[in-house]
């Protein structure tokens, strides 16, 4: 979400400087892993603000494993300076 917002802001500033019309902002969606102690929750929603076209929330142990795996991947990526990986 933050990356999309930053790209839209940069494109808007660029269009203001060059005198072009600003781009239309896309609807923002969210994918979130929330830690909840021994478990976690996975949430996906599009768009972020209601009324939503699609929404999914699930509290489960697999979400905790997914969150821990993502955290290990992210820290490895940053430790080794591989910020170009997704």
Protein backbone atom coordinates (compact mmCIF):
# COMPACT_ATOMS: atom_id res chain seq x y z
CA UNK A 1 0.00 0.00 0.00
CA UNK A 2 2.78 2.41 0.93
CA UNK A 3 4.66 1.81 -2.32
CA UNK A 4 1.54 2.49 -4.41
CA UNK A 5 0.87 5.69 -2.46
CA UNK A 6 4.48 6.86 -2.92
CA UNK A 7 4.43 6.14 -6.67
CA UNK A 8 1.16 8.04 -7.06
CA UNK A 9 2.57 10.97 -5.07
CA UNK A 10 5.75 11.02 -7.18
CA UNK A 11 3.76 10.90 -10.43
CA UNK A 12 1.52 13.72 -9.21
CA UNK A 13 4.49 15.91 -8.24
CA UNK A 14 6.15 15.17 -11.58
CA UNK A 15 3.00 16.09 -13.48
CA UNK A 16 2.72 19.35 -11.50
CA UNK A 17 6.30 20.27 -12.41
CA UNK A 18 5.93 19.37 -16.11
CA UNK A 19 2.43 20.88 -16.40
CA UNK A 20 0.75 17.62 -17.39
CA UNK A 21 -2.49 16.28 -15.98
CA UNK A 22 -1.98 14.15 -12.85
CA UNK A 23 -2.62 10.40 -13.10
CA UNK A 24 -5.75 8.91 -11.61
CA UNK A 25 -5.15 7.22 -8.27
CA UNK A 26 -5.92 3.50 -8.18
CA UNK A 27 -8.01 1.93 -5.45
CA UNK A 28 -5.75 0.57 -2.73
CA UNK A 29 -5.93 -3.04 -1.65
CA UNK A 30 -4.29 -4.60 1.39
CA UNK A 31 -2.73 -7.93 2.30
CA UNK A 32 -1.84 -8.08 5.97
CA UNK A 33 -0.41 -10.65 8.39
CA UNK A 34 -1.25 -9.77 11.98
CA UNK A 35 0.60 -11.42 14.88
CA UNK A 36 -1.72 -12.54 17.69
CA UNK A 37 0.55 -14.32 20.20
CA UNK A 38 0.47 -18.08 19.48
CA UNK A 39 -1.54 -17.58 16.32
CA UNK A 40 -1.95 -14.96 13.63
CA UNK A 41 -4.52 -13.62 11.21
CA UNK A 42 -4.38 -13.11 7.46
CA UNK A 43 -6.45 -10.34 5.92
CA UNK A 44 -6.96 -9.41 2.29
CA UNK A 45 -9.29 -6.61 1.27
CA UNK A 46 -9.93 -4.65 -1.92
CA UNK A 47 -10.38 -1.74 -1.73
CA UNK A 48 -9.18 -0.85 1.77
CA UNK A 49 -12.15 1.36 2.53
CA UNK A 50 -15.74 0.03 2.44
CA UNK A 51 -17.75 -0.79 0.42
CA UNK A 52 -15.35 -3.59 -0.48
CA UNK A 53 -15.49 -5.68 -3.62
CA UNK A 54 -13.65 -8.54 -1.91
CA UNK A 55 -12.61 -9.27 1.64
CA UNK A 56 -11.10 -12.30 3.40
CA UNK A 57 -9.98 -12.68 7.01
CA UNK A 58 -8.79 -15.90 8.62
CA UNK A 59 -7.28 -16.51 12.07
CA UNK A 60 -5.09 -19.65 11.99
CA UNK A 61 -1.79 -21.22 12.97
CA UNK A 62 -0.69 -21.36 9.29
CA UNK A 63 -0.90 -17.55 9.23
CA UNK A 64 1.60 -17.46 12.13
CA UNK A 65 3.98 -19.74 10.18
CA UNK A 66 3.56 -17.55 7.11
CA UNK A 67 4.33 -14.42 9.14
CA UNK A 68 7.47 -15.98 10.70
CA UNK A 69 8.63 -17.21 7.27
CA UNK A 70 8.11 -13.79 5.71
CA UNK A 71 9.99 -12.11 8.56
CA UNK A 72 12.98 -14.46 8.12
CA UNK A 73 12.97 -13.87 4.35
CA UNK A 74 12.77 -10.10 4.77
CA UNK A 75 15.58 -9.96 7.35
CA UNK A 76 17.81 -12.19 5.16
CA UNK A 77 17.13 -9.96 2.19
CA UNK A 78 18.01 -6.78 4.08
CA UNK A 79 21.07 -8.31 5.80
CA UNK A 80 22.55 -9.32 2.44
CA UNK A 81 21.59 -6.11 0.61
CA UNK A 82 19.25 -7.82 -1.86
CA UNK A 83 16.55 -5.18 -1.86
CA UNK A 84 15.73 -5.86 -5.52
CA UNK A 85 14.06 -9.19 -4.61
CA UNK A 86 10.27 -9.05 -4.28
